[in-house]
Protein backbone atom coordinates (compact mmCIF):
# COMPACT_ATOMS: atom_id res chain seq x y z
CA UNK A 1 106.12 123.49 81.36
CA UNK A 2 107.20 126.77 82.89
CA UNK A 3 107.87 127.09 86.63
CA UNK A 4 104.60 129.00 86.99
CA UNK A 5 102.69 126.21 85.22
CA UNK A 6 104.38 123.59 87.39
CA UNK A 7 103.50 125.50 90.55
CA UNK A 8 99.87 125.90 89.46
CA UNK A 9 99.65 122.21 88.64
CA UNK A 10 101.20 121.10 91.92
CA UNK A 11 98.80 123.14 94.05
CA UNK A 12 95.82 121.45 92.40
CA UNK A 13 94.41 118.55 94.37
CA UNK A 14 94.45 116.16 91.41
CA UNK A 15 96.70 116.14 88.36
CA UNK A 16 96.28 114.34 85.05
CA UNK A 17 98.62 111.50 84.17
CA UNK A 18 99.88 113.52 81.20
CA UNK A 19 100.73 116.53 83.41
CA UNK A 20 102.54 114.28 85.90
CA UNK A 21 104.54 112.73 83.06
CA UNK A 22 105.47 116.21 81.78
CA UNK A 23 106.51 117.43 85.24
CA UNK A 24 108.56 114.33 86.05
CA UNK A 25 109.90 113.96 82.51
CA UNK A 26 108.80 110.33 82.21
CA UNK A 27 106.30 108.54 79.99
CA UNK A 28 102.64 108.17 80.86
CA UNK A 29 103.27 104.41 81.01
CA UNK A 30 105.73 105.04 83.84
CA UNK A 31 103.19 107.19 85.70
CA UNK A 32 100.54 104.44 85.38
CA UNK A 33 103.08 101.88 86.62
CA UNK A 34 103.98 104.09 89.61
CA UNK A 35 100.27 104.40 90.45
CA UNK A 36 99.88 100.60 90.21
CA UNK A 37 102.98 100.10 92.42
CA UNK A 38 101.85 102.70 94.97
CA UNK A 39 104.74 105.10 94.31
CA UNK A 40 102.13 107.72 93.35
CA UNK A 41 98.60 107.92 94.74
CA UNK A 42 95.99 107.82 92.00
CA UNK A 43 92.23 107.89 91.80
CA UNK A 44 90.43 106.01 89.04
CA UNK A 45 88.11 108.29 87.06
CA UNK A 46 85.19 106.95 85.04
CA UNK A 47 81.90 108.31 83.84
CA UNK A 48 80.53 110.77 81.28
CA UNK A 49 83.27 112.28 79.17
CA UNK A 50 85.63 109.39 79.87
CA UNK A 51 85.48 106.70 77.21
CA UNK A 52 87.63 104.42 79.35
CA UNK A 53 89.00 104.37 82.87
CA UNK A 54 91.84 106.73 83.58
CA UNK A 55 93.53 108.14 86.66
CA UNK A 56 94.07 111.45 88.35
CA UNK A 57 97.15 111.58 90.54
CA UNK A 58 97.14 113.27 93.94
CA UNK A 59 99.47 116.24 93.64
CA UNK A 60 100.68 115.69 97.21
CA UNK A 61 102.19 112.36 96.13
CA UNK A 62 103.97 114.09 93.22
CA UNK A 63 105.36 116.72 95.60
CA UNK A 64 106.53 113.97 97.99
CA UNK A 65 108.31 112.20 95.12
CA UNK A 66 109.98 115.49 94.15
CA UNK A 67 110.85 116.32 97.74
CA UNK A 68 109.18 119.75 97.63
CA UNK A 69 106.60 121.25 99.95
CA UNK A 70 103.21 122.54 98.83
CA UNK A 71 104.35 125.95 97.64
CA UNK A 72 107.97 125.34 96.68
CA UNK A 73 108.89 125.09 93.02
CA UNK A 74 112.20 123.56 91.92
CA UNK A 75 114.70 126.22 90.81
CA UNK A 76 115.70 124.33 87.68
CA UNK A 77 113.74 122.36 85.18
CA UNK A 78 112.90 119.08 86.86
CA UNK A 79 115.22 116.19 86.21
CA UNK A 80 114.18 112.64 85.56
CA UNK A 81 113.31 110.77 88.74
CA UNK A 82 115.14 107.44 89.02
């Protein structure tokens, strides 16, 4: 993702698990685990258009994990979060 795409994604209220994984450079399995553990705040999404339950992650929790405020974008490509 480019810095502009990252910024646009992080100002959205909810972010897909795939986008979070791309931003944090981790697998989607890790993002789901972090939601289950409470490291990231997620909302379960079900209904028409969703064949199974999935999550949307609150972008504020991603920004907290990255240590950036609402409008700040990291200068470099994001590194893997330990």
